[in-house]
PDB file of N, CA and C in Angstrom:
ATOM      1  N   UNK A   1      16.464 -13.269  14.680  1.00  0.00           N
ATOM      2  CA  UNK A   1      16.293 -13.822  13.359  1.00  0.00           C
ATOM      3  C   UNK A   1      14.864 -13.457  12.802  1.00  0.00           C
ATOM      4  N   UNK A   2      14.915 -12.959  11.577  1.00  0.00           N
ATOM      5  CA  UNK A   2      13.687 -12.603  10.898  1.00  0.00           C
ATOM      6  C   UNK A   2      12.907 -13.840  10.307  1.00  0.00           C
ATOM      7  N   UNK A   3      11.699 -13.803  10.415  1.00  0.00           N
ATOM      8  CA  UNK A   3      10.850 -14.790   9.772  1.00  0.00           C
ATOM      9  C   UNK A   3      10.671 -14.461   8.323  1.00  0.00           C
ATOM     10  N   UNK A   4      10.086 -15.380   7.479  1.00  0.00           N
ATOM     11  CA  UNK A   4       9.792 -14.994   6.137  1.00  0.00           C
ATOM     12  C   UNK A   4       8.697 -14.051   6.062  1.00  0.00           C
ATOM     13  N   UNK A   5       7.744 -14.005   7.025  1.00  0.00           N
ATOM     14  CA  UNK A   5       6.674 -13.086   6.957  1.00  0.00           C
ATOM     15  C   UNK A   5       7.095 -11.654   7.203  1.00  0.00           C
ATOM     16  N   UNK A   6       8.218 -11.548   8.088  1.00  0.00           N
ATOM     17  CA  UNK A   6       8.830 -10.200   8.356  1.00  0.00           C
ATOM     18  C   UNK A   6       9.436  -9.672   7.077  1.00  0.00           C
ATOM     19  N   UNK A   7       9.915 -10.445   6.204  1.00  0.00           N
ATOM     20  CA  UNK A   7      10.488  -9.926   4.994  1.00  0.00           C
ATOM     21  C   UNK A   7       9.567  -9.714   3.780  1.00  0.00           C
ATOM     22  N   UNK A   8       8.299 -10.263   3.984  1.00  0.00           N
ATOM     23  CA  UNK A   8       7.264 -10.104   3.021  1.00  0.00           C
ATOM     24  C   UNK A   8       6.602  -8.708   3.038  1.00  0.00           C
ATOM     25  N   UNK A   9       6.718  -8.164   1.790  1.00  0.00           N
ATOM     26  CA  UNK A   9       6.178  -6.679   1.715  1.00  0.00           C
ATOM     27  C   UNK A   9       4.787  -6.767   1.173  1.00  0.00           C
ATOM     28  N   UNK A  10       4.119  -5.658   1.525  1.00  0.00           N
ATOM     29  CA  UNK A  10       2.772  -5.406   0.977  1.00  0.00           C
ATOM     30  C   UNK A  10       2.753  -3.932   0.319  1.00  0.00           C
ATOM     31  N   UNK A  11       1.992  -3.740  -0.608  1.00  0.00           N
ATOM     32  CA  UNK A  11       1.734  -2.525  -1.295  1.00  0.00           C
ATOM     33  C   UNK A  11       0.533  -1.869  -0.817  1.00  0.00           C
ATOM     34  N   UNK A  12       0.420  -0.678  -0.439  1.00  0.00           N
ATOM     35  CA  UNK A  12      -0.767   0.102  -0.167  1.00  0.00           C
ATOM     36  C   UNK A  12      -0.994   1.288  -1.043  1.00  0.00           C
ATOM     37  N   UNK A  13      -2.052   1.251  -1.776  1.00  0.00           N
ATOM     38  CA  UNK A  13      -2.393   2.424  -2.751  1.00  0.00           C
ATOM     39  C   UNK A  13      -3.707   2.913  -2.292  1.00  0.00           C
ATOM     40  N   UNK A  14      -3.745   4.320  -2.367  1.00  0.00           N
ATOM     41  CA  UNK A  14      -5.078   4.932  -1.999  1.00  0.00           C
ATOM     42  C   UNK A  14      -5.186   6.191  -2.901  1.00  0.00           C
ATOM     43  N   UNK A  15      -6.319   6.408  -3.445  1.00  0.00           N
ATOM     44  CA  UNK A  15      -6.646   7.533  -4.320  1.00  0.00           C
ATOM     45  C   UNK A  15      -7.951   8.179  -3.673  1.00  0.00           C
ATOM     46  N   UNK A  16      -7.949   9.380  -3.307  1.00  0.00           N
ATOM     47  CA  UNK A  16      -9.088   9.997  -2.664  1.00  0.00           C
ATOM     48  C   UNK A  16      -9.906  10.708  -3.806  1.00  0.00           C
ATOM     49  N   UNK A  17     -11.166  10.799  -3.579  1.00  0.00           N
ATOM     50  CA  UNK A  17     -11.960  11.646  -4.396  1.00  0.00           C
ATOM     51  C   UNK A  17     -11.481  13.010  -4.510  1.00  0.00           C
ATOM     52  N   UNK A  18     -10.882  13.619  -3.440  1.00  0.00           N
ATOM     53  CA  UNK A  18     -10.310  14.861  -3.338  1.00  0.00           C
ATOM     54  C   UNK A  18      -9.081  15.173  -4.142  1.00  0.00           C
ATOM     55  N   UNK A  19      -8.380  13.878  -4.487  1.00  0.00           N
ATOM     56  CA  UNK A  19      -7.190  14.074  -5.374  1.00  0.00           C
ATOM     57  C   UNK A  19      -7.412  14.622  -6.751  1.00  0.00           C
ATOM     58  N   UNK A  20      -8.758  14.719  -7.133  1.00  0.00           N
ATOM     59  CA  UNK A  20      -9.047  15.204  -8.475  1.00  0.00           C
ATOM     60  C   UNK A  20      -8.693  14.254  -9.486  1.00  0.00           C
ATOM     61  N   UNK A  21      -8.358  14.766 -10.720  1.00  0.00           N
ATOM     62  CA  UNK A  21      -8.101  13.905 -11.811  1.00  0.00           C
ATOM     63  C   UNK A  21      -6.678  13.953 -12.375  1.00  0.00           C
ATOM     64  N   UNK A  22      -5.725  14.216 -11.456  1.00  0.00           N
ATOM     65  CA  UNK A  22      -4.343  14.124 -11.734  1.00  0.00           C
ATOM     66  C   UNK A  22      -3.867  12.632 -12.002  1.00  0.00           C
ATOM     67  N   UNK A  23      -4.389  11.976 -12.989  1.00  0.00           N
ATOM     68  CA  UNK A  23      -4.129  10.548 -13.171  1.00  0.00           C
ATOM     69  C   UNK A  23      -2.642  10.257 -13.495  1.00  0.00           C
ATOM     70  N   UNK A  24      -1.898  11.297 -14.012  1.00  0.00           N
ATOM     71  CA  UNK A  24      -0.399  10.905 -14.360  1.00  0.00           C
ATOM     72  C   UNK A  24       0.322  10.774 -13.085  1.00  0.00           C
ATOM     73  N   UNK A  25       0.120  11.489 -12.040  1.00  0.00           N
ATOM     74  CA  UNK A  25       0.856  11.411 -10.893  1.00  0.00           C
ATOM     75  C   UNK A  25       0.364  10.735  -9.721  1.00  0.00           C
ATOM     76  N   UNK A  26      -0.983  10.587  -9.566  1.00  0.00           N
ATOM     77  CA  UNK A  26      -1.710  10.058  -8.366  1.00  0.00           C
ATOM     78  C   UNK A  26      -2.563   8.798  -8.715  1.00  0.00           C
ATOM     79  N   UNK A  27      -2.738   8.307  -9.884  1.00  0.00           N
ATOM     80  CA  UNK A  27      -3.586   7.199 -10.087  1.00  0.00           C
ATOM     81  C   UNK A  27      -3.087   5.994  -9.316  1.00  0.00           C
ATOM     82  N   UNK A  28      -3.990   5.065  -9.099  1.00  0.00           N
ATOM     83  CA  UNK A  28      -3.720   3.705  -8.547  1.00  0.00           C
ATOM     84  C   UNK A  28      -2.779   3.056  -9.355  1.00  0.00           C
ATOM     85  N   UNK A  29      -2.884   3.002 -10.712  1.00  0.00           N
ATOM     86  CA  UNK A  29      -1.986   2.339 -11.629  1.00  0.00           C
ATOM     87  C   UNK A  29      -0.598   2.899 -11.446  1.00  0.00           C
ATOM     88  N   UNK A  30      -0.470   4.179 -11.432  1.00  0.00           N
ATOM     89  CA  UNK A  30       0.880   4.841 -11.236  1.00  0.00           C
ATOM     90  C   UNK A  30       1.434   4.445  -9.889  1.00  0.00           C
ATOM     91  N   UNK A  31       0.651   4.589  -8.853  1.00  0.00           N
ATOM     92  CA  UNK A  31       1.157   4.158  -7.585  1.00  0.00           C
ATOM     93  C   UNK A  31       1.729   2.718  -7.490  1.00  0.00           C
ATOM     94  N   UNK A  32       0.831   1.895  -8.016  1.00  0.00           N
ATOM     95  CA  UNK A  32       1.231   0.387  -8.018  1.00  0.00           C
ATOM     96  C   UNK A  32       2.566   0.212  -8.826  1.00  0.00           C
ATOM     97  N   UNK A  33       2.617   0.811  -9.978  1.00  0.00           N
ATOM     98  CA  UNK A  33       3.879   0.598 -10.768  1.00  0.00           C
ATOM     99  C   UNK A  33       5.084   1.227 -10.014  1.00  0.00           C
ATOM    100  N   UNK A  34       4.971   2.329  -9.412  1.00  0.00           N
ATOM    101  CA  UNK A  34       6.056   2.964  -8.714  1.00  0.00           C
ATOM    102  C   UNK A  34       6.472   2.053  -7.543  1.00  0.00           C
ATOM    103  N   UNK A  35       5.450   1.571  -6.775  1.00  0.00           N
ATOM    104  CA  UNK A  35       5.835   0.830  -5.590  1.00  0.00           C
ATOM    105  C   UNK A  35       6.438  -0.592  -6.011  1.00  0.00           C
ATOM    106  N   UNK A  36       5.889  -1.268  -7.008  1.00  0.00           N
ATOM    107  CA  UNK A  36       6.497  -2.471  -7.566  1.00  0.00           C
ATOM    108  C   UNK A  36       7.906  -2.248  -7.913  1.00  0.00           C
ATOM    109  N   UNK A  37       8.169  -1.207  -8.588  1.00  0.00           N
ATOM    110  CA  UNK A  37       9.629  -0.799  -9.093  1.00  0.00           C
ATOM    111  C   UNK A  37      10.552  -0.835  -7.822  1.00  0.00           C
ATOM    112  N   UNK A  38      10.061   0.043  -6.835  1.00  0.00           N
ATOM    113  CA  UNK A  38      10.822   0.183  -5.706  1.00  0.00           C
ATOM    114  C   UNK A  38      11.095  -1.105  -5.006  1.00  0.00           C
ATOM    115  N   UNK A  39      10.093  -1.972  -4.855  1.00  0.00           N
ATOM    116  CA  UNK A  39      10.272  -3.305  -4.218  1.00  0.00           C
ATOM    117  C   UNK A  39      11.287  -4.106  -4.904  1.00  0.00           C
ATOM    118  N   UNK A  40      11.198  -4.069  -6.259  1.00  0.00           N
ATOM    119  CA  UNK A  40      12.178  -4.866  -7.053  1.00  0.00           C
ATOM    120  C   UNK A  40      13.591  -4.288  -6.839  1.00  0.00           C
ATOM    121  N   UNK A  41      13.730  -3.091  -6.904  1.00  0.00           N
ATOM    122  CA  UNK A  41      15.068  -2.361  -6.790  1.00  0.00           C
ATOM    123  C   UNK A  41      15.753  -2.616  -5.359  1.00  0.00           C
ATOM    124  N   UNK A  42      14.820  -2.912  -4.433  1.00  0.00           N
ATOM    125  CA  UNK A  42      15.273  -3.086  -3.020  1.00  0.00           C
ATOM    126  C   UNK A  42      15.246  -4.634  -2.618  1.00  0.00           C
ATOM    127  N   UNK A  43      14.928  -5.519  -3.570  1.00  0.00           N
ATOM    128  CA  UNK A  43      14.994  -6.908  -3.311  1.00  0.00           C
ATOM    129  C   UNK A  43      13.903  -7.470  -2.339  1.00  0.00           C
ATOM    130  N   UNK A  44      12.621  -6.641  -2.375  1.00  0.00           N
ATOM    131  CA  UNK A  44      11.635  -7.071  -1.629  1.00  0.00           C
ATOM    132  C   UNK A  44      10.607  -8.004  -2.250  1.00  0.00           C
ATOM    133  N   UNK A  45      10.016  -8.839  -1.628  1.00  0.00           N
ATOM    134  CA  UNK A  45       9.003  -9.712  -2.213  1.00  0.00           C
ATOM    135  C   UNK A  45       7.626  -9.227  -1.804  1.00  0.00           C
ATOM    136  N   UNK A  46       6.815  -8.897  -2.855  1.00  0.00           N
ATOM    137  CA  UNK A  46       5.503  -8.442  -2.558  1.00  0.00           C
ATOM    138  C   UNK A  46       4.545  -9.550  -2.409  1.00  0.00           C
ATOM    139  N   UNK A  47       3.982  -9.741  -1.175  1.00  0.00           N
ATOM    140  CA  UNK A  47       3.089 -10.752  -0.884  1.00  0.00           C
ATOM    141  C   UNK A  47       1.544 -10.532  -1.101  1.00  0.00           C
ATOM    142  N   UNK A  48       1.269  -9.118  -0.970  1.00  0.00           N
ATOM    143  CA  UNK A  48      -0.115  -8.682  -1.048  1.00  0.00           C
ATOM    144  C   UNK A  48      -0.150  -7.167  -1.420  1.00  0.00           C
ATOM    145  N   UNK A  49      -1.292  -6.885  -1.956  1.00  0.00           N
ATOM    146  CA  UNK A  49      -1.647  -5.468  -2.375  1.00  0.00           C
ATOM    147  C   UNK A  49      -3.006  -5.063  -1.717  1.00  0.00           C
ATOM    148  N   UNK A  50      -2.989  -3.886  -1.189  1.00  0.00           N
ATOM    149  CA  UNK A  50      -4.154  -3.374  -0.597  1.00  0.00           C
ATOM    150  C   UNK A  50      -4.524  -2.123  -1.294  1.00  0.00           C
ATOM    151  N   UNK A  51      -5.767  -1.810  -1.743  1.00  0.00           N
ATOM    152  CA  UNK A  51      -6.204  -0.694  -2.415  1.00  0.00           C
ATOM    153  C   UNK A  51      -7.400  -0.027  -1.930  1.00  0.00           C
ATOM    154  N   UNK A  52      -7.409   1.299  -1.793  1.00  0.00           N
ATOM    155  CA  UNK A  52      -8.660   1.966  -1.388  1.00  0.00           C
ATOM    156  C   UNK A  52      -8.753   3.048  -2.418  1.00  0.00           C
ATOM    157  N   UNK A  53      -9.684   2.893  -3.344  1.00  0.00           N
ATOM    158  CA  UNK A  53      -9.857   3.808  -4.469  1.00  0.00           C
ATOM    159  C   UNK A  53     -10.996   4.679  -4.162  1.00  0.00           C
ATOM    160  N   UNK A  54     -10.812   6.075  -4.254  1.00  0.00           N
ATOM    161  CA  UNK A  54     -11.953   6.952  -4.025  1.00  0.00           C
ATOM    162  C   UNK A  54     -12.282   7.107  -2.620  1.00  0.00           C
ATOM    163  N   UNK A  55     -11.356   6.889  -1.565  1.00  0.00           N
ATOM    164  CA  UNK A  55     -11.603   7.037  -0.238  1.00  0.00           C
ATOM    165  C   UNK A  55     -10.775   7.986   0.445  1.00  0.00           C
ATOM    166  N   UNK A  56     -11.303   8.847   1.223  1.00  0.00           N
ATOM    167  CA  UNK A  56     -10.576   9.932   1.843  1.00  0.00           C
ATOM    168  C   UNK A  56      -9.723   9.254   2.937  1.00  0.00           C
ATOM    169  N   UNK A  57      -8.549   9.881   3.168  1.00  0.00           N
ATOM    170  CA  UNK A  57      -7.570   9.641   4.184  1.00  0.00           C
ATOM    171  C   UNK A  57      -7.908  10.048   5.502  1.00  0.00           C
ATOM    172  N   UNK A  58      -9.033  10.805   5.568  1.00  0.00           N
ATOM    173  CA  UNK A  58      -9.527  11.428   6.842  1.00  0.00           C
ATOM    174  C   UNK A  58     -10.145  10.383   7.691  1.00  0.00           C
ATOM    175  N   UNK A  59     -10.434   9.214   7.230  1.00  0.00           N
ATOM    176  CA  UNK A  59     -11.077   8.129   7.947  1.00  0.00           C
ATOM    177  C   UNK A  59     -10.213   6.809   7.914  1.00  0.00           C
ATOM    178  N   UNK A  60     -10.279   6.090   8.883  1.00  0.00           N
ATOM    179  CA  UNK A  60      -9.662   4.837   8.965  1.00  0.00           C
ATOM    180  C   UNK A  60     -10.615   3.626   8.560  1.00  0.00           C
ATOM    181  N   UNK A  61     -11.914   4.097   8.286  1.00  0.00           N
ATOM    182  CA  UNK A  61     -12.881   3.088   7.730  1.00  0.00           C
ATOM    183  C   UNK A  61     -12.617   2.901   6.282  1.00  0.00           C
ATOM    184  N   UNK A  62     -11.565   2.237   5.971  1.00  0.00           N
ATOM    185  CA  UNK A  62     -11.240   1.968   4.621  1.00  0.00           C
ATOM    186  C   UNK A  62     -10.999   0.472   4.554  1.00  0.00           C
ATOM    187  N   UNK A  63     -11.628  -0.228   3.619  1.00  0.00           N
ATOM    188  CA  UNK A  63     -11.582  -1.782   3.538  1.00  0.00           C
ATOM    189  C   UNK A  63     -10.121  -2.204   3.474  1.00  0.00           C
ATOM    190  N   UNK A  64      -9.437  -1.599   2.430  1.00  0.00           N
ATOM    191  CA  UNK A  64      -8.106  -2.135   2.197  1.00  0.00           C
ATOM    192  C   UNK A  64      -7.161  -1.776   3.387  1.00  0.00           C
ATOM    193  N   UNK A  65      -7.353  -0.665   3.934  1.00  0.00           N
ATOM    194  CA  UNK A  65      -6.473  -0.292   5.166  1.00  0.00           C
ATOM    195  C   UNK A  65      -6.699  -1.108   6.265  1.00  0.00           C
ATOM    196  N   UNK A  66      -8.031  -1.430   6.532  1.00  0.00           N
ATOM    197  CA  UNK A  66      -8.332  -2.277   7.773  1.00  0.00           C
ATOM    198  C   UNK A  66      -7.917  -3.682   7.489  1.00  0.00           C
ATOM    199  N   UNK A  67      -7.984  -4.168   6.264  1.00  0.00           N
ATOM    200  CA  UNK A  67      -7.419  -5.511   5.976  1.00  0.00           C
ATOM    201  C   UNK A  67      -5.833  -5.614   6.249  1.00  0.00           C
ATOM    202  N   UNK A  68      -5.213  -4.504   5.753  1.00  0.00           N
ATOM    203  CA  UNK A  68      -3.727  -4.502   5.833  1.00  0.00           C
ATOM    204  C   UNK A  68      -3.433  -4.467   7.251  1.00  0.00           C
ATOM    205  N   UNK A  69      -4.074  -3.696   8.145  1.00  0.00           N
ATOM    206  CA  UNK A  69      -3.732  -3.683   9.604  1.00  0.00           C
ATOM    207  C   UNK A  69      -3.981  -5.045  10.279  1.00  0.00           C
ATOM    208  N   UNK A  70      -5.015  -5.772   9.843  1.00  0.00           N
ATOM    209  CA  UNK A  70      -5.328  -7.070  10.332  1.00  0.00           C
ATOM    210  C   UNK A  70      -4.184  -8.071   9.994  1.00  0.00           C
ATOM    211  N   UNK A  71      -3.728  -7.955   8.691  1.00  0.00           N
ATOM    212  CA  UNK A  71      -2.661  -8.811   8.319  1.00  0.00           C
ATOM    213  C   UNK A  71      -1.307  -8.550   8.985  1.00  0.00           C
ATOM    214  N   UNK A  72      -1.198  -7.249   9.250  1.00  0.00           N
ATOM    215  CA  UNK A  72       0.126  -6.963   9.989  1.00  0.00           C
ATOM    216  C   UNK A  72       0.068  -7.478  11.341  1.00  0.00           C
ATOM    217  N   UNK A  73      -1.053  -7.292  12.053  1.00  0.00           N
ATOM    218  CA  UNK A  73      -1.292  -7.816  13.438  1.00  0.00           C
ATOM    219  C   UNK A  73      -1.203  -9.457  13.506  1.00  0.00           C
ATOM    220  N   UNK A  74      -1.519 -10.038  12.388  1.00  0.00           N
ATOM    221  CA  UNK A  74      -1.575 -11.429  12.292  1.00  0.00           C
ATOM    222  C   UNK A  74      -0.106 -12.065  11.941  1.00  0.00           C
ATOM    223  N   UNK A  75       0.773 -11.042  11.580  1.00  0.00           N
ATOM    224  CA  UNK A  75       2.060 -11.481  11.204  1.00  0.00           C
ATOM    225  C   UNK A  75       2.192 -11.985   9.804  1.00  0.00           C
ATOM    226  N   UNK A  76       1.254 -11.626   8.958  1.00  0.00           N
ATOM    227  CA  UNK A  76       1.348 -12.125   7.602  1.00  0.00           C
ATOM    228  C   UNK A  76       2.238 -11.227   6.650  1.00  0.00           C
ATOM    229  N   UNK A  77       2.434 -10.009   7.039  1.00  0.00           N
ATOM    230  CA  UNK A  77       3.357  -9.099   6.318  1.00  0.00           C
ATOM    231  C   UNK A  77       4.221  -8.336   7.329  1.00  0.00           C
ATOM    232  N   UNK A  78       5.369  -7.954   6.907  1.00  0.00           N
ATOM    233  CA  UNK A  78       6.381  -7.276   7.733  1.00  0.00           C
ATOM    234  C   UNK A  78       6.715  -5.882   7.262  1.00  0.00           C
ATOM    235  N   UNK A  79       6.429  -5.632   6.040  1.00  0.00           N
ATOM    236  CA  UNK A  79       6.911  -4.280   5.411  1.00  0.00           C
ATOM    237  C   UNK A  79       5.684  -3.922   4.675  1.00  0.00           C
ATOM    238  N   UNK A  80       5.296  -2.561   4.808  1.00  0.00           N
ATOM    239  CA  UNK A  80       4.303  -1.821   3.867  1.00  0.00           C
ATOM    240  C   UNK A  80       5.051  -0.740   3.248  1.00  0.00           C
ATOM    241  N   UNK A  81       4.709  -0.716   1.804  1.00  0.00           N
ATOM    242  CA  UNK A  81       5.290   0.265   1.003  1.00  0.00           C
ATOM    243  C   UNK A  81       4.151   1.069   0.500  1.00  0.00           C
ATOM    244  N   UNK A  82       4.190   2.410   0.643  1.00  0.00           N
ATOM    245  CA  UNK A  82       3.204   3.231   0.053  1.00  0.00           C
ATOM    246  C   UNK A  82       3.815   4.521  -0.550  1.00  0.00           C
ATOM    247  N   UNK A  83       3.198   5.188  -1.460  1.00  0.00           N
ATOM    248  CA  UNK A  83       3.840   6.387  -2.127  1.00  0.00           C
ATOM    249  C   UNK A  83       4.283   7.423  -1.178  1.00  0.00           C
ATOM    250  N   UNK A  84       3.519   7.741  -0.131  1.00  0.00           N
ATOM    251  CA  UNK A  84       3.870   8.747   0.748  1.00  0.00           C
ATOM    252  C   UNK A  84       2.977   8.662   2.038  1.00  0.00           C
ATOM    253  N   UNK A  85       3.287   9.244   3.070  1.00  0.00           N
ATOM    254  CA  UNK A  85       2.445   9.108   4.229  1.00  0.00           C
ATOM    255  C   UNK A  85       1.156   9.648   4.141  1.00  0.00           C
ATOM    256  N   UNK A  86       0.879  10.588   3.150  1.00  0.00           N
ATOM    257  CA  UNK A  86      -0.505  11.044   2.946  1.00  0.00           C
ATOM    258  C   UNK A  86      -1.419  10.001   2.464  1.00  0.00           C
ATOM    259  N   UNK A  87      -0.883   8.853   1.829  1.00  0.00           N
ATOM    260  CA  UNK A  87      -1.713   7.789   1.348  1.00  0.00           C
ATOM    261  C   UNK A  87      -2.226   6.974   2.514  1.00  0.00           C
ATOM    262  N   UNK A  88      -1.469   6.888   3.610  1.00  0.00           N
ATOM    263  CA  UNK A  88      -1.932   6.198   4.776  1.00  0.00           C
ATOM    264  C   UNK A  88      -3.046   6.949   5.550  1.00  0.00           C
TER     265      UNK A  88
END
């Protein structure tokens, strides 16, 4: 039996300085909108959003990422939605 926390989704958005200025396809705003739409279309409830803006994915020393991992380990969220694995 799933708990309510296991069904609670989180959004993770990251934009690296290395991503350049492709704001139409990679901006935090665009990622957020895309992920919110995906969650709606799949009946997911978004409980929290984590953002690391201007941070390289080559390090795990990212504030939003670290908080997300802590919340997963604490059982606060059960699903993480991100644009693609390169964002993680």
